[in-house]
PDB file of N, CA and C in Angstrom:
ATOM      1  N   MET A   1       0.340  -1.507   0.248  1.00  0.00           N
ATOM      2  CA  MET A   1      -0.230   0.116   0.265  1.00  0.00           C
ATOM      3  C   MET A   1       1.138   0.723  -0.295  1.00  0.00           C
ATOM      4  N   THR A   2       0.108   2.266  -0.502  1.00  0.00           N
ATOM      5  CA  THR A   2       1.074   4.160  -1.101  1.00  0.00           C
ATOM      6  C   THR A   2       0.111   4.321  -0.002  1.00  0.00           C
ATOM      7  N   LYS A   3       1.394   5.880   0.957  1.00  0.00           N
ATOM      8  CA  LYS A   3       0.918   6.258   2.028  1.00  0.00           C
ATOM      9  C   LYS A   3      -0.624   7.002   1.478  1.00  0.00           C
ATOM     10  N   LEU A   4      -0.664   6.769   0.406  1.00  0.00           N
ATOM     11  CA  LEU A   4      -1.927   7.544  -0.583  1.00  0.00           C
ATOM     12  C   LEU A   4      -3.135   6.773   0.173  1.00  0.00           C
ATOM     13  N   ASP A   5      -2.332   5.536  -0.026  1.00  0.00           N
ATOM     14  CA  ASP A   5      -3.782   4.211   0.584  1.00  0.00           C
ATOM     15  C   ASP A   5      -4.307   4.693   1.877  1.00  0.00           C
ATOM     16  N   TYR A   6      -2.989   4.818   2.599  1.00  0.00           N
ATOM     17  CA  TYR A   6      -3.609   4.941   4.072  1.00  0.00           C
ATOM     18  C   TYR A   6      -3.816   6.451   3.977  1.00  0.00           C
ATOM     19  N   ALA A   7      -4.009   7.371   3.742  1.00  0.00           N
ATOM     20  CA  ALA A   7      -4.128   8.684   4.253  1.00  0.00           C
ATOM     21  C   ALA A   7      -5.489   8.620   3.817  1.00  0.00           C
ATOM     22  N   LEU A   8      -6.033   7.440   2.262  1.00  0.00           N
ATOM     23  CA  LEU A   8      -7.507   7.512   2.107  1.00  0.00           C
ATOM     24  C   LEU A   8      -7.679   6.866   3.061  1.00  0.00           C
ATOM     25  N   ALA A   9      -6.824   5.387   3.355  1.00  0.00           N
ATOM     26  CA  ALA A   9      -8.292   4.051   4.492  1.00  0.00           C
ATOM     27  C   ALA A   9      -8.840   5.425   5.904  1.00  0.00           C
ATOM     28  N   LEU A  10      -7.655   5.990   6.375  1.00  0.00           N
ATOM     29  CA  LEU A  10      -8.173   7.036   7.615  1.00  0.00           C
ATOM     30  C   LEU A  10      -8.554   7.956   7.284  1.00  0.00           C
ATOM     31  N   ALA A  11      -8.188   8.862   6.351  1.00  0.00           N
ATOM     32  CA  ALA A  11     -10.013   9.661   6.445  1.00  0.00           C
ATOM     33  C   ALA A  11     -10.906   8.968   5.948  1.00  0.00           C
ATOM     34  N   SER A  12     -10.966   7.435   5.446  1.00  0.00           N
ATOM     35  CA  SER A  12     -12.701   7.405   5.149  1.00  0.00           C
ATOM     36  C   SER A  12     -13.365   6.893   6.444  1.00  0.00           C
ATOM     37  N   ARG A  13     -12.636   6.729   7.173  1.00  0.00           N
ATOM     38  CA  ARG A  13     -12.598   5.900   9.043  1.00  0.00           C
ATOM     39  C   ARG A  13     -12.963   7.517   9.496  1.00  0.00           C
ATOM     40  N   GLY A  14     -12.928   8.538   8.723  1.00  0.00           N
ATOM     41  CA  GLY A  14     -13.771   9.983   9.573  1.00  0.00           C
ATOM     42  C   GLY A  14     -12.181  10.891  10.308  1.00  0.00           C
ATOM     43  N   PHE A  15     -10.971  10.286  10.205  1.00  0.00           N
ATOM     44  CA  PHE A  15      -9.863  11.146  10.731  1.00  0.00           C
ATOM     45  C   PHE A  15      -9.515  12.306   9.571  1.00  0.00           C
ATOM     46  N   LYS A  16      -9.496  13.243  10.177  1.00  0.00           N
ATOM     47  CA  LYS A  16      -9.313  14.441  10.034  1.00  0.00           C
ATOM     48  C   LYS A  16      -7.357  14.353   9.267  1.00  0.00           C
ATOM     49  N   ILE A  17      -7.098  13.949   8.069  1.00  0.00           N
ATOM     50  CA  ILE A  17      -5.459  14.145   7.387  1.00  0.00           C
ATOM     51  C   ILE A  17      -5.618  15.201   7.087  1.00  0.00           C
ATOM     52  N   ILE A  18      -3.581  15.395   7.270  1.00  0.00           N
ATOM     53  CA  ILE A  18      -2.618  16.802   6.533  1.00  0.00           C
ATOM     54  C   ILE A  18      -1.099  15.895   6.380  1.00  0.00           C
ATOM     55  N   PRO A  19      -1.034  16.593   5.414  1.00  0.00           N
ATOM     56  CA  PRO A  19       0.896  15.522   4.466  1.00  0.00           C
ATOM     57  C   PRO A  19       1.258  16.543   5.675  1.00  0.00           C
ATOM     58  N   ILE A  20       2.733  15.737   6.041  1.00  0.00           N
ATOM     59  CA  ILE A  20       3.890  15.857   6.687  1.00  0.00           C
ATOM     60  C   ILE A  20       4.869  15.564   5.655  1.00  0.00           C
ATOM     61  N   ARG A  21       5.822  16.601   5.790  1.00  0.00           N
ATOM     62  CA  ARG A  21       6.931  16.345   5.387  1.00  0.00           C
ATOM     63  C   ARG A  21       7.551  14.734   5.447  1.00  0.00           C
ATOM     64  N   GLU A  22       8.104  13.553   4.269  1.00  0.00           N
ATOM     65  CA  GLU A  22       8.682  12.458   4.002  1.00  0.00           C
ATOM     66  C   GLU A  22      10.086  12.786   5.465  1.00  0.00           C
ATOM     67  N   GLY A  23       9.458  11.263   6.069  1.00  0.00           N
ATOM     68  CA  GLY A  23      10.714  11.272   6.652  1.00  0.00           C
ATOM     69  C   GLY A  23      10.331  12.193   8.133  1.00  0.00           C
ATOM     70  N   ALA A  24       9.530  12.988   8.839  1.00  0.00           N
ATOM     71  CA  ALA A  24       9.539  13.672   9.394  1.00  0.00           C
ATOM     72  C   ALA A  24       8.018  13.823   9.501  1.00  0.00           C
ATOM     73  N   LYS A  25       8.184  14.307  11.248  1.00  0.00           N
ATOM     74  CA  LYS A  25       7.153  13.893  11.744  1.00  0.00           C
ATOM     75  C   LYS A  25       6.202  15.361  12.246  1.00  0.00           C
ATOM     76  N   PHE A  26       7.431  16.190  12.000  1.00  0.00           N
ATOM     77  CA  PHE A  26       6.481  18.163  12.018  1.00  0.00           C
ATOM     78  C   PHE A  26       7.585  18.550  10.877  1.00  0.00           C
ATOM     79  N   PRO A  27       6.992  19.784  10.622  1.00  0.00           N
ATOM     80  CA  PRO A  27       5.915  20.441  10.523  1.00  0.00           C
ATOM     81  C   PRO A  27       4.953  19.838   9.133  1.00  0.00           C
ATOM     82  N   PRO A  28       3.790  19.909   9.046  1.00  0.00           N
ATOM     83  CA  PRO A  28       2.607  19.907   8.375  1.00  0.00           C
ATOM     84  C   PRO A  28       3.405  20.358   6.242  1.00  0.00           C
ATOM     85  N   GLU A  29       3.063  19.556   5.668  1.00  0.00           N
ATOM     86  CA  GLU A  29       2.866  20.587   4.663  1.00  0.00           C
ATOM     87  C   GLU A  29       2.442  21.582   3.829  1.00  0.00           C
ATOM     88  N   ILE A  30       1.308  22.028   4.851  1.00  0.00           N
ATOM     89  CA  ILE A  30       0.158  22.808   4.750  1.00  0.00           C
ATOM     90  C   ILE A  30       0.487  24.263   5.992  1.00  0.00           C
ATOM     91  N   ARG A  31       0.286  25.361   5.441  1.00  0.00           N
ATOM     92  CA  ARG A  31       0.140  26.695   6.218  1.00  0.00           C
ATOM     93  C   ARG A  31      -1.009  26.495   7.507  1.00  0.00           C
ATOM     94  N   HIS A  32      -2.086  26.599   7.206  1.00  0.00           N
ATOM     95  CA  HIS A  32      -2.460  26.036   7.852  1.00  0.00           C
ATOM     96  C   HIS A  32      -3.981  25.017   8.304  1.00  0.00           C
ATOM     97  N   TRP A  33      -2.105  23.977   8.746  1.00  0.00           N
ATOM     98  CA  TRP A  33      -3.501  22.921   8.470  1.00  0.00           C
ATOM     99  C   TRP A  33      -4.520  23.041   9.620  1.00  0.00           C
ATOM    100  N   PRO A  34      -4.921  23.362  10.578  1.00  0.00           N
ATOM    101  CA  PRO A  34      -5.999  22.960  11.363  1.00  0.00           C
ATOM    102  C   PRO A  34      -7.502  23.344  11.473  1.00  0.00           C
ATOM    103  N   GLN A  35      -7.189  23.766  10.389  1.00  0.00           N
ATOM    104  CA  GLN A  35      -7.683  24.729   9.627  1.00  0.00           C
ATOM    105  C   GLN A  35      -8.650  23.952   7.967  1.00  0.00           C
ATOM    106  N   GLU A  36      -7.457  23.421   7.629  1.00  0.00           N
ATOM    107  CA  GLU A  36      -7.301  22.331   6.202  1.00  0.00           C
ATOM    108  C   GLU A  36      -7.197  20.874   6.148  1.00  0.00           C
ATOM    109  N   ALA A  37      -7.247  20.411   7.972  1.00  0.00           N
ATOM    110  CA  ALA A  37      -7.161  18.705   7.708  1.00  0.00           C
ATOM    111  C   ALA A  37      -8.568  18.512   7.528  1.00  0.00           C
ATOM    112  N   THR A  38      -8.511  16.976   6.747  1.00  0.00           N
ATOM    113  CA  THR A  38      -9.312  17.151   5.914  1.00  0.00           C
ATOM    114  C   THR A  38      -9.930  15.697   6.081  1.00  0.00           C
ATOM    115  N   ASP A  39     -10.952  14.498   5.363  1.00  0.00           N
ATOM    116  CA  ASP A  39     -11.034  13.634   5.588  1.00  0.00           C
ATOM    117  C   ASP A  39     -11.682  13.542   3.804  1.00  0.00           C
ATOM    118  N   ARG A  40     -11.780  14.643   3.450  1.00  0.00           N
ATOM    119  CA  ARG A  40     -12.226  14.326   1.712  1.00  0.00           C
ATOM    120  C   ARG A  40     -11.607  13.886   0.803  1.00  0.00           C
ATOM    121  N   GLU A  41     -11.860  12.536   0.168  1.00  0.00           N
ATOM    122  CA  GLU A  41     -11.504  11.865  -0.909  1.00  0.00           C
ATOM    123  C   GLU A  41     -10.677  12.216  -1.351  1.00  0.00           C
ATOM    124  N   GLU A  42     -11.470  13.272  -2.357  1.00  0.00           N
ATOM    125  CA  GLU A  42     -10.848  14.153  -3.741  1.00  0.00           C
ATOM    126  C   GLU A  42      -9.925  15.772  -2.491  1.00  0.00           C
ATOM    127  N   ILE A  43      -9.859  16.110  -2.028  1.00  0.00           N
ATOM    128  CA  ILE A  43      -8.746  16.024  -1.205  1.00  0.00           C
ATOM    129  C   ILE A  43      -7.029  15.594  -1.163  1.00  0.00           C
ATOM    130  N   VAL A  44      -8.008  15.068  -0.378  1.00  0.00           N
ATOM    131  CA  VAL A  44      -6.590  14.164   0.037  1.00  0.00           C
ATOM    132  C   VAL A  44      -5.711  13.494  -0.921  1.00  0.00           C
ATOM    133  N   ARG A  45      -6.195  13.243  -1.934  1.00  0.00           N
ATOM    134  CA  ARG A  45      -5.654  12.819  -3.588  1.00  0.00           C
ATOM    135  C   ARG A  45      -4.904  13.985  -3.937  1.00  0.00           C
ATOM    136  N   ARG A  46      -5.614  15.117  -3.764  1.00  0.00           N
ATOM    137  CA  ARG A  46      -5.003  16.365  -4.705  1.00  0.00           C
ATOM    138  C   ARG A  46      -3.944  16.617  -3.295  1.00  0.00           C
ATOM    139  N   MET A  47      -3.358  16.170  -2.408  1.00  0.00           N
ATOM    140  CA  MET A  47      -2.764  16.377  -0.625  1.00  0.00           C
ATOM    141  C   MET A  47      -1.402  15.975  -1.203  1.00  0.00           C
ATOM    142  N   TRP A  48      -1.745  14.556  -1.433  1.00  0.00           N
ATOM    143  CA  TRP A  48      -0.838  13.882  -1.612  1.00  0.00           C
ATOM    144  C   TRP A  48      -0.170  13.820  -2.961  1.00  0.00           C
ATOM    145  N   GLY A  49      -1.367  13.723  -3.882  1.00  0.00           N
ATOM    146  CA  GLY A  49      -0.706  13.860  -5.518  1.00  0.00           C
ATOM    147  C   GLY A  49       0.168  12.586  -6.428  1.00  0.00           C
ATOM    148  N   THR A  50       1.522  13.653  -6.371  1.00  0.00           N
ATOM    149  CA  THR A  50       1.943  12.326  -6.224  1.00  0.00           C
ATOM    150  C   THR A  50       3.560  12.278  -5.619  1.00  0.00           C
ATOM    151  N   GLY A  51       3.491  12.911  -4.288  1.00  0.00           N
ATOM    152  CA  GLY A  51       3.991  13.012  -3.725  1.00  0.00           C
ATOM    153  C   GLY A  51       4.188  12.246  -2.857  1.00  0.00           C
ATOM    154  N   ASN A  52       4.944  11.733  -1.548  1.00  0.00           N
ATOM    155  CA  ASN A  52       5.086  10.046  -0.477  1.00  0.00           C
ATOM    156  C   ASN A  52       4.627  10.976   1.037  1.00  0.00           C
ATOM    157  N   ALA A  53       4.422  11.612   0.998  1.00  0.00           N
ATOM    158  CA  ALA A  53       4.503  12.843   2.347  1.00  0.00           C
ATOM    159  C   ALA A  53       4.346  11.574   3.135  1.00  0.00           C
ATOM    160  N   ASN A  54       4.496  11.770   5.105  1.00  0.00           N
ATOM    161  CA  ASN A  54       3.868  11.339   5.899  1.00  0.00           C
ATOM    162  C   ASN A  54       2.417  11.987   6.060  1.00  0.00           C
ATOM    163  N   ILE A  55       1.236  11.062   7.233  1.00  0.00           N
ATOM    164  CA  ILE A  55       0.166  10.842   7.387  1.00  0.00           C
ATOM    165  C   ILE A  55       0.382  12.000   9.054  1.00  0.00           C
ATOM    166  N   GLY A  56       0.158  13.183   8.755  1.00  0.00           N
ATOM    167  CA  GLY A  56      -0.600  13.501  10.498  1.00  0.00           C
ATOM    168  C   GLY A  56      -2.103  13.880  10.731  1.00  0.00           C
ATOM    169  N   ILE A  57      -2.340  12.860  12.074  1.00  0.00           N
ATOM    170  CA  ILE A  57      -3.376  13.411  12.014  1.00  0.00           C
ATOM    171  C   ILE A  57      -4.423  14.327  12.960  1.00  0.00           C
ATOM    172  N   HIS A  58      -5.342  15.128  13.003  1.00  0.00           N
ATOM    173  CA  HIS A  58      -5.087  16.393  13.406  1.00  0.00           C
ATOM    174  C   HIS A  58      -6.256  15.439  14.547  1.00  0.00           C
ATOM    175  N   CYS A  59      -5.915  15.948  15.907  1.00  0.00           N
ATOM    176  CA  CYS A  59      -6.207  15.034  17.028  1.00  0.00           C
ATOM    177  C   CYS A  59      -7.693  15.802  17.664  1.00  0.00           C
ATOM    178  N   ARG A  60      -7.804  17.540  17.443  1.00  0.00           N
ATOM    179  CA  ARG A  60      -9.223  17.536  18.949  1.00  0.00           C
ATOM    180  C   ARG A  60      -9.361  17.094  18.069  1.00  0.00           C
ATOM    181  N   GLY A  61     -10.223  17.240  19.931  1.00  0.00           N
ATOM    182  CA  GLY A  61     -11.275  16.217  19.809  1.00  0.00           C
ATOM    183  C   GLY A  61     -11.487  15.127  20.355  1.00  0.00           C
ATOM    184  N   MET A  62      -9.850  14.378  20.540  1.00  0.00           N
ATOM    185  CA  MET A  62      -9.647  12.974  20.265  1.00  0.00           C
ATOM    186  C   MET A  62      -8.623  12.949  22.198  1.00  0.00           C
ATOM    187  N   ALA A  63      -8.526  12.035  23.083  1.00  0.00           N
ATOM    188  CA  ALA A  63      -8.133  11.328  23.297  1.00  0.00           C
ATOM    189  C   ALA A  63      -6.507  10.482  23.161  1.00  0.00           C
ATOM    190  N   VAL A  64      -5.492  11.090  23.351  1.00  0.00           N
ATOM    191  CA  VAL A  64      -4.232  10.585  22.722  1.00  0.00           C
ATOM    192  C   VAL A  64      -3.543   9.541  23.219  1.00  0.00           C
ATOM    193  N   ILE A  65      -3.157   8.626  23.139  1.00  0.00           N
ATOM    194  CA  ILE A  65      -2.090   7.605  24.250  1.00  0.00           C
ATOM    195  C   ILE A  65      -0.850   7.488  23.194  1.00  0.00           C
ATOM    196  N   ASP A  66       0.279   8.135  24.042  1.00  0.00           N
ATOM    197  CA  ASP A  66       1.568   7.609  23.244  1.00  0.00           C
ATOM    198  C   ASP A  66       2.589   7.077  22.880  1.00  0.00           C
ATOM    199  N   VAL A  67       2.054   5.890  23.216  1.00  0.00           N
ATOM    200  CA  VAL A  67       2.716   4.709  23.796  1.00  0.00           C
ATOM    201  C   VAL A  67       4.323   4.585  22.959  1.00  0.00           C
ATOM    202  N   ASP A  68       5.293   3.826  23.588  1.00  0.00           N
ATOM    203  CA  ASP A  68       6.645   4.578  22.835  1.00  0.00           C
ATOM    204  C   ASP A  68       7.416   3.474  23.673  1.00  0.00           C
ATOM    205  N   PRO A  69       7.841   1.596  22.916  1.00  0.00           N
ATOM    206  CA  PRO A  69       8.312   0.189  23.314  1.00  0.00           C
ATOM    207  C   PRO A  69       9.593   0.474  23.870  1.00  0.00           C
ATOM    208  N   ARG A  70      10.084   1.313  22.763  1.00  0.00           N
ATOM    209  CA  ARG A  70      11.338   1.439  23.138  1.00  0.00           C
ATOM    210  C   ARG A  70      12.060   2.115  24.838  1.00  0.00           C
ATOM    211  N   LYS A  71      11.081   3.481  25.292  1.00  0.00           N
ATOM    212  CA  LYS A  71      11.106   4.063  25.599  1.00  0.00           C
ATOM    213  C   LYS A  71      10.028   3.363  27.231  1.00  0.00           C
ATOM    214  N   GLY A  72       9.910   1.994  27.535  1.00  0.00           N
ATOM    215  CA  GLY A  72       8.939   1.350  28.311  1.00  0.00           C
ATOM    216  C   GLY A  72       7.575   2.105  28.348  1.00  0.00           C
ATOM    217  N   GLY A  73       7.291   2.567  27.403  1.00  0.00           N
ATOM    218  CA  GLY A  73       6.613   2.942  27.688  1.00  0.00           C
ATOM    219  C   GLY A  73       4.987   1.915  27.677  1.00  0.00           C
ATOM    220  N   ASP A  74       4.778   0.392  26.721  1.00  0.00           N
ATOM    221  CA  ASP A  74       4.065  -0.884  26.058  1.00  0.00           C
ATOM    222  C   ASP A  74       4.544  -0.681  28.066  1.00  0.00           C
ATOM    223  N   ALA A  75       4.912  -1.254  28.618  1.00  0.00           N
ATOM    224  CA  ALA A  75       4.969  -1.041  30.343  1.00  0.00           C
ATOM    225  C   ALA A  75       4.404  -0.933  31.426  1.00  0.00           C
ATOM    226  N   SER A  76       4.948   0.462  31.002  1.00  0.00           N
ATOM    227  CA  SER A  76       3.884   1.718  31.422  1.00  0.00           C
ATOM    228  C   SER A  76       2.497   2.078  31.394  1.00  0.00           C
ATOM    229  N   LEU A  77       1.640   1.504  30.269  1.00  0.00           N
ATOM    230  CA  LEU A  77      -0.049   1.318  29.348  1.00  0.00           C
ATOM    231  C   LEU A  77       0.114  -0.078  30.388  1.00  0.00           C
ATOM    232  N   ALA A  78       1.008  -1.099  30.440  1.00  0.00           N
ATOM    233  CA  ALA A  78       0.069  -2.318  30.855  1.00  0.00           C
ATOM    234  C   ALA A  78      -0.072  -1.404  32.791  1.00  0.00           C
TER     235      ALA A  78
END
């Protein structure tokens, strides 16, 4: 699967997503990302175009737990 495929799969589940520079966690590739994060297929296709951007999820309204097993996060979560 390509990153576009993953982006579309997340968007189809209602996640508002944004492209992030390939190989990075930040910054988003779009300037006004909080307002432009989207779950609309046609916009996601345009945002990823021919690129291979990473996928960011706008987490507004969500509770997110970031478990990092390399730093003992899995044990802390358990």
